[in-house]
Amino acid sequence: MIYPNEHRPAHAHVIGDGEAVFILNCPDGPPELRESYRFDRSDLARIETGLADHIAELCTEWRKFHGYY
């Protein structure tokens, strides 16, 4: 999730059984874990891979809301 009233650097919140915040390192990644609550290591690895697979789209969405990264 990318919130419209956010601060830089470009990042995404992942919410599920826990919550994690990943710095996107736009425009090319790789995403980098900033903080996590209640996700285990395997969940975080899976999330990071998913974010990396969609980094271009995530960075495009960030830029729509916030301008440059």
Protein backbone atom coordinates (compact mmCIF):
# COMPACT_ATOMS: atom_id res chain seq x y z
CA MET A 1 0.00 0.00 0.00
CA ILE A 2 1.26 3.45 -0.87
CA TYR A 3 -0.48 6.17 1.12
CA PRO A 4 -1.20 9.55 -0.50
CA ASN A 5 0.11 11.64 2.45
CA GLU A 6 3.51 10.03 2.79
CA HIS A 7 7.09 11.16 3.16
CA ARG A 8 10.18 10.30 1.18
CA PRO A 9 11.99 8.06 0.47
CA ALA A 10 9.61 6.06 -1.70
CA HIS A 11 8.30 3.13 0.30
CA ALA A 12 5.40 0.70 0.53
CA HIS A 13 3.51 -0.67 3.51
CA VAL A 14 2.58 -4.36 3.43
CA ILE A 15 -0.24 -5.33 5.76
CA GLY A 16 -1.47 -8.86 6.39
CA ASP A 17 -0.80 -11.10 9.38
CA GLY A 18 1.78 -8.47 10.28
CA GLU A 19 3.01 -5.19 8.91
CA ALA A 20 6.21 -4.31 7.10
CA VAL A 21 7.59 -1.23 5.41
CA PHE A 22 9.97 -1.55 2.48
CA ILE A 23 12.03 1.27 0.96
CA LEU A 24 11.52 0.85 -2.79
CA ASN A 25 14.86 2.30 -3.97
CA CYS A 26 13.16 3.66 -7.08
CA PRO A 27 13.32 3.48 -9.96
CA ASP A 28 15.11 0.12 -10.17
CA GLY A 29 15.04 -1.37 -6.66
CA PRO A 30 15.77 -3.60 -4.99
CA PRO A 31 13.29 -3.11 -2.16
CA GLU A 32 14.87 -2.93 1.28
CA LEU A 33 13.16 -3.81 4.56
CA ARG A 34 12.87 -0.77 6.85
CA GLU A 35 10.77 -2.31 9.62
CA SER A 36 8.57 -5.28 10.31
CA TYR A 37 6.10 -6.41 12.96
CA ARG A 38 4.88 -10.03 13.26
CA PHE A 39 6.06 -11.29 9.85
CA ASP A 40 8.56 -14.16 9.99
CA ARG A 41 11.66 -14.35 7.79
CA SER A 42 10.03 -16.55 5.16
CA ASP A 43 7.10 -14.14 4.86
CA LEU A 44 9.48 -11.21 4.50
CA ALA A 45 11.49 -12.98 1.80
CA ARG A 46 8.30 -13.77 -0.14
CA ILE A 47 7.08 -10.17 0.20
CA GLU A 48 10.43 -8.75 -0.87
CA THR A 49 10.44 -10.97 -3.98
CA GLY A 50 6.91 -9.88 -4.83
CA LEU A 51 7.80 -6.22 -4.46
CA ALA A 52 10.93 -6.68 -6.58
CA ASP A 53 8.84 -8.31 -9.31
CA HIS A 54 6.63 -5.19 -9.43
CA ILE A 55 9.14 -2.45 -8.62
CA ALA A 56 8.48 -0.47 -11.82
CA GLU A 57 4.73 -0.34 -11.17
CA LEU A 58 5.20 0.56 -7.51
CA CYS A 59 7.61 3.37 -8.36
CA THR A 60 5.19 4.67 -11.00
CA GLU A 61 2.39 4.74 -8.42
CA TRP A 62 4.62 6.48 -5.86
CA ARG A 63 5.50 9.13 -8.43
CA LYS A 64 1.81 9.74 -9.26
CA PHE A 65 1.14 10.62 -5.62
CA HIS A 66 4.40 12.25 -4.57
CA GLY A 67 6.50 13.24 -7.56
CA TYR A 68 10.11 12.20 -7.47
CA TYR A 69 11.32 9.55 -5.06
